Amino acid sequence: MITFDLDDTLWNNRPTIMNAEFETRKWIEDKVGNVEWGDFESFLELREVLIKEDESIKWDISKLRKEIFKKKLSHIEPESLRNEIVDEAFTIFINKRHEINLYDGVEESLKDLSKKYILGVLTNGNADIYRFEIGEYFKFAISSFDAKDSKPNRAHFDMAINKFKDITFDNVLHIGDDQINDIFGAYNLGIDTLWFNDNNEDWAQDFTKPDEFSNWHDLKNIIKNKYE
């Protein structure tokens, strides 16, 4: 089995999210006028407040998004109108969130690997792999909403191996970009890893750096040489 992270592993997520944020906020402000969105620090503070009110927001980022919209639009009355705007705004956001550009070589690599391995998705995000054409190469996808938890905790990984008989952590390779959520999370369970490092980041952890790659066209041969 080979499991993959999504955001910043199969595609560059920053421009996608920035565009989704921009388009959604523009739509909201066209409806209700200027909104005080705040900076990233205020976002984190609001997130902590919302988690105290509802702990599921830790792993349900779609609910987090909607609740932030509700807080920012708390001045809109009646509540039914506010909720209607929030629901429409979230639909716009999630649609824009799926407007991605795969890294070069991703589709070719997944198509080839799916012929030999069970492929799965383990993501902390809310992108749905089955909304993309490459979804056909994956046997399963597990999000934080599904796991009711977030990587690097083990719930995603446990759910993955429990989907198939005779699959253990020894039979799994996990590929991701995040040194903690992906690499440490898998390493901590004895799962082999490959680190996608297209930004030439330094390894900052106190355990041995795994093999890494920065070009998806190299992945097939890396796996062939390492495992076959």
Protein backbone atom coordinates (compact mmCIF):
# COMPACT_ATOMS: atom_id res chain seq x y z
CA MET A 1 0.00 0.00 0.00
CA ILE A 2 1.16 3.55 -0.75
CA THR A 3 -0.62 6.44 0.94
CA PHE A 4 -0.34 10.07 -0.11
CA ASP A 5 -0.92 13.43 1.46
CA LEU A 6 -2.73 15.86 -0.87
CA ASP A 7 -2.07 19.56 -0.28
CA ASP A 8 1.50 20.56 -1.18
CA THR A 9 2.27 16.95 -2.10
CA LEU A 10 0.19 16.42 -5.24
CA TRP A 11 -0.22 20.15 -5.92
CA ASN A 12 0.92 23.54 -4.65
CA ASN A 13 -1.87 24.49 -2.28
CA ARG A 14 -0.96 28.10 -1.51
CA PRO A 15 -2.21 29.70 -4.76
CA THR A 16 -5.32 27.52 -4.65
CA ILE A 17 -6.30 28.56 -1.14
CA MET A 18 -5.39 32.20 -1.71
CA ASN A 19 -7.63 32.32 -4.78
CA ALA A 20 -10.46 30.53 -2.95
CA GLU A 21 -10.20 33.01 -0.08
CA PHE A 22 -10.10 36.01 -2.41
CA GLU A 23 -13.04 34.92 -4.56
CA THR A 24 -15.18 33.96 -1.56
CA ARG A 25 -14.51 37.17 0.34
CA LYS A 26 -15.22 39.21 -2.78
CA TRP A 27 -18.55 37.43 -3.24
CA ILE A 28 -19.48 38.01 0.41
CA GLU A 29 -18.58 41.70 0.30
CA ASP A 30 -20.54 42.16 -2.93
CA LYS A 31 -23.54 40.87 -0.96
CA VAL A 32 -23.12 42.62 2.40
CA GLY A 33 -20.47 45.34 2.06
CA ASN A 34 -17.03 45.51 3.67
CA VAL A 35 -16.11 42.89 6.24
CA GLU A 36 -13.29 43.12 8.79
CA TRP A 37 -11.46 39.87 8.06
CA GLY A 38 -8.43 40.45 10.28
CA ASP A 39 -4.94 38.99 9.87
CA PHE A 40 -3.60 35.46 10.33
CA GLU A 41 -3.01 35.97 14.05
CA SER A 42 -6.61 37.00 14.59
CA PHE A 43 -7.69 33.95 12.56
CA LEU A 44 -5.74 31.67 14.90
CA GLU A 45 -7.22 33.40 17.94
CA LEU A 46 -10.74 33.01 16.56
CA ARG A 47 -10.05 29.35 15.77
CA GLU A 48 -9.08 28.73 19.41
CA VAL A 49 -12.27 30.44 20.61
CA LEU A 50 -14.37 28.32 18.25
CA ILE A 51 -12.63 25.10 19.37
CA LYS A 52 -13.51 25.92 22.99
CA GLU A 53 -17.14 26.19 21.89
CA ASP A 54 -17.01 23.04 19.74
CA GLU A 55 -14.02 20.69 19.96
CA SER A 56 -14.90 18.98 16.66
CA ILE A 57 -13.64 22.11 14.88
CA LYS A 58 -10.10 20.79 15.54
CA TRP A 59 -10.60 18.25 12.78
CA ASP A 60 -13.67 19.47 10.88
CA ILE A 61 -12.15 22.31 8.88
CA SER A 62 -15.26 22.73 6.76
CA LYS A 63 -17.22 23.51 9.92
CA LEU A 64 -14.40 25.83 10.98
CA ARG A 65 -14.70 27.72 7.71
CA LYS A 66 -18.48 28.10 8.09
CA GLU A 67 -18.25 29.17 11.72
CA ILE A 68 -15.69 31.85 10.84
CA PHE A 69 -18.03 33.17 8.17
CA LYS A 70 -20.84 33.25 10.74
CA LYS A 71 -18.70 35.20 13.21
CA LYS A 72 -17.61 37.69 10.55
CA LEU A 73 -21.23 38.17 9.47
CA SER A 74 -22.74 38.29 12.95
CA HIS A 75 -24.20 41.72 12.15
CA ILE A 76 -26.39 40.30 9.37
CA GLU A 77 -30.02 39.82 10.36
CA PRO A 78 -32.15 37.81 10.34
CA GLU A 79 -30.13 34.72 11.24
CA SER A 80 -31.77 32.76 8.42
CA LEU A 81 -30.35 35.22 5.88
CA ARG A 82 -26.91 35.02 7.51
CA ASN A 83 -26.95 31.22 7.35
CA GLU A 84 -28.02 31.32 3.71
CA ILE A 85 -25.11 33.60 2.83
CA VAL A 86 -22.70 31.39 4.79
CA ASP A 87 -23.85 28.25 2.99
CA GLU A 88 -23.52 29.89 -0.43
CA ALA A 89 -20.12 31.32 0.47
CA PHE A 90 -18.85 27.93 1.59
CA THR A 91 -20.03 26.35 -1.66
CA ILE A 92 -18.05 28.96 -3.59
CA PHE A 93 -15.02 28.39 -1.40
CA ILE A 94 -15.02 24.60 -1.65
CA ASN A 95 -15.47 24.73 -5.42
CA LYS A 96 -12.56 27.14 -5.78
CA ARG A 97 -10.56 25.02 -3.34
CA HIS A 98 -10.73 22.20 -5.90
CA GLU A 99 -9.30 24.30 -8.73
CA ILE A 100 -5.81 22.85 -8.51
CA ASN A 101 -2.83 22.36 -10.78
CA LEU A 102 -1.13 19.03 -10.24
CA TYR A 103 2.62 18.98 -10.05
CA ASP A 104 4.13 17.83 -13.31
CA GLY A 105 4.36 14.04 -13.37
CA VAL A 106 1.73 13.34 -10.69
CA GLU A 107 -0.91 11.82 -12.94
CA GLU A 108 1.57 9.65 -14.85
CA SER A 109 3.14 8.40 -11.61
CA LEU A 110 -0.18 7.58 -9.95
CA LYS A 111 -1.45 5.76 -13.02
CA ASP A 112 1.68 3.61 -13.13
CA LEU A 113 1.82 2.92 -9.37
CA SER A 114 -1.87 1.99 -9.18
CA LYS A 115 -1.14 -1.04 -11.36
CA LYS A 116 1.11 -2.53 -8.66
CA TYR A 117 0.00 -1.05 -5.36
CA ILE A 118 -3.08 -0.13 -3.36
CA LEU A 119 -3.11 3.68 -3.37
CA GLY A 120 -4.84 5.73 -0.71
CA VAL A 121 -5.17 9.34 0.48
CA LEU A 122 -4.51 10.53 4.03
CA THR A 123 -5.25 14.24 4.36
CA ASN A 124 -5.87 16.78 7.09
CA GLY A 125 -7.64 18.95 4.52
CA ASN A 126 -11.07 18.92 2.91
CA ALA A 127 -10.11 18.37 -0.72
CA ASP A 128 -11.98 15.41 -2.21
CA ILE A 129 -9.68 13.35 -4.43
CA TYR A 130 -12.71 11.92 -6.24
CA ARG A 131 -13.54 15.34 -7.65
CA PHE A 132 -10.39 15.03 -9.78
CA GLU A 133 -9.68 12.68 -12.66
CA ILE A 134 -6.78 11.17 -10.71
CA GLY A 135 -9.32 9.92 -8.17
CA GLU A 136 -9.71 6.78 -10.27
CA TYR A 137 -6.27 5.62 -9.14
CA PHE A 138 -7.12 5.61 -5.43
CA LYS A 139 -8.87 2.80 -3.56
CA PHE A 140 -9.72 4.99 -0.57
CA ALA A 141 -9.40 8.46 0.92
CA ILE A 142 -9.36 9.41 4.60
CA SER A 143 -9.72 13.01 5.74
CA SER A 144 -9.53 14.45 9.24
CA PHE A 145 -13.32 14.56 9.18
CA ASP A 146 -13.37 10.81 8.52
CA ALA A 147 -10.71 10.07 11.14
CA LYS A 148 -12.12 12.51 13.71
CA ASP A 149 -8.50 13.46 14.27
CA SER A 150 -5.54 14.98 12.44
CA LYS A 151 -2.12 13.74 11.42
CA PRO A 152 0.42 13.26 12.97
CA ASN A 153 -1.90 11.35 15.30
CA ARG A 154 -2.39 7.75 14.23
CA ALA A 155 -6.11 7.59 13.38
CA HIS A 156 -5.61 8.09 9.62
CA PHE A 157 -2.98 5.37 9.47
CA ASP A 158 -5.01 2.91 11.54
CA MET A 159 -8.05 3.42 9.34
CA ALA A 160 -5.95 2.83 6.22
CA ILE A 161 -4.61 -0.59 7.19
CA ASN A 162 -7.95 -1.69 8.63
CA LYS A 163 -9.51 -1.34 5.20
CA PHE A 164 -7.61 -4.33 3.83
CA LYS A 165 -6.87 -7.79 5.14
CA ASP A 166 -3.21 -8.69 5.65
CA ILE A 167 -1.98 -5.08 5.35
CA THR A 168 0.21 -3.97 8.26
CA PHE A 169 2.32 -0.89 8.83
CA ASP A 170 5.28 -2.90 7.51
CA ASN A 171 3.53 -3.06 4.12
CA VAL A 172 2.85 0.68 3.86
CA LEU A 173 4.79 3.55 2.33
CA HIS A 174 3.55 7.06 3.12
CA ILE A 175 4.46 10.02 0.89
CA GLY A 176 3.99 13.59 2.02
CA ASP A 177 5.53 17.04 2.31
CA ASP A 178 5.09 17.87 5.99
CA GLN A 179 7.96 16.85 8.26
CA ILE A 180 5.67 16.45 11.27
CA ASN A 181 2.18 15.61 10.04
CA ASP A 182 3.34 13.19 7.36
CA ILE A 183 6.87 12.00 8.02
CA PHE A 184 6.93 11.95 11.82
CA GLY A 185 3.34 10.67 12.01
CA ALA A 186 4.19 7.68 9.83
CA TYR A 187 7.71 7.13 11.23
CA ASN A 188 6.30 6.96 14.75
CA LEU A 189 4.28 3.89 13.71
CA GLY A 190 7.10 2.15 11.88
CA ILE A 191 5.74 3.13 8.46
CA ASP A 192 8.30 3.77 5.74
CA THR A 193 8.20 7.25 4.23
CA LEU A 194 9.27 9.33 1.28
CA TRP A 195 9.53 13.06 1.78
CA PHE A 196 8.32 15.30 -1.05
CA ASN A 197 10.62 18.32 -0.74
CA ASP A 198 10.29 20.60 -3.76
CA ASN A 199 11.31 23.72 -1.82
CA ASN A 200 14.76 22.44 -0.85
CA GLU A 201 13.89 22.64 2.85
CA ASP A 202 16.39 21.63 5.50
CA TRP A 203 15.58 18.57 7.58
CA ALA A 204 14.72 19.88 11.05
CA GLN A 205 13.81 16.71 12.96
CA ASP A 206 15.85 14.67 15.44
CA PHE A 207 15.34 11.36 13.65
CA THR A 208 16.97 10.18 10.44
CA LYS A 209 15.82 11.98 7.35
CA PRO A 210 14.01 9.63 4.95
CA ASP A 211 14.69 9.43 1.24
CA GLU A 212 13.34 12.51 -0.48
CA PHE A 213 12.33 13.61 -3.95
CA SER A 214 11.40 16.90 -5.57
CA ASN A 215 10.34 15.76 -9.04
CA TRP A 216 7.37 13.47 -9.51
CA HIS A 217 8.88 12.05 -12.68
CA ASP A 218 11.53 10.43 -10.43
CA LEU A 219 9.08 8.67 -8.12
CA LYS A 220 8.54 5.53 -10.18
CA ASN A 221 12.24 4.71 -10.29
CA ILE A 222 12.78 5.61 -6.63
CA ILE A 223 10.12 3.11 -5.59
CA LYS A 224 11.33 0.51 -8.07
CA ASN A 225 14.92 0.73 -6.84
CA LYS A 226 13.92 0.84 -3.17
CA TYR A 227 11.26 -1.87 -3.04
CA GLU A 228 11.17 -3.94 -6.20
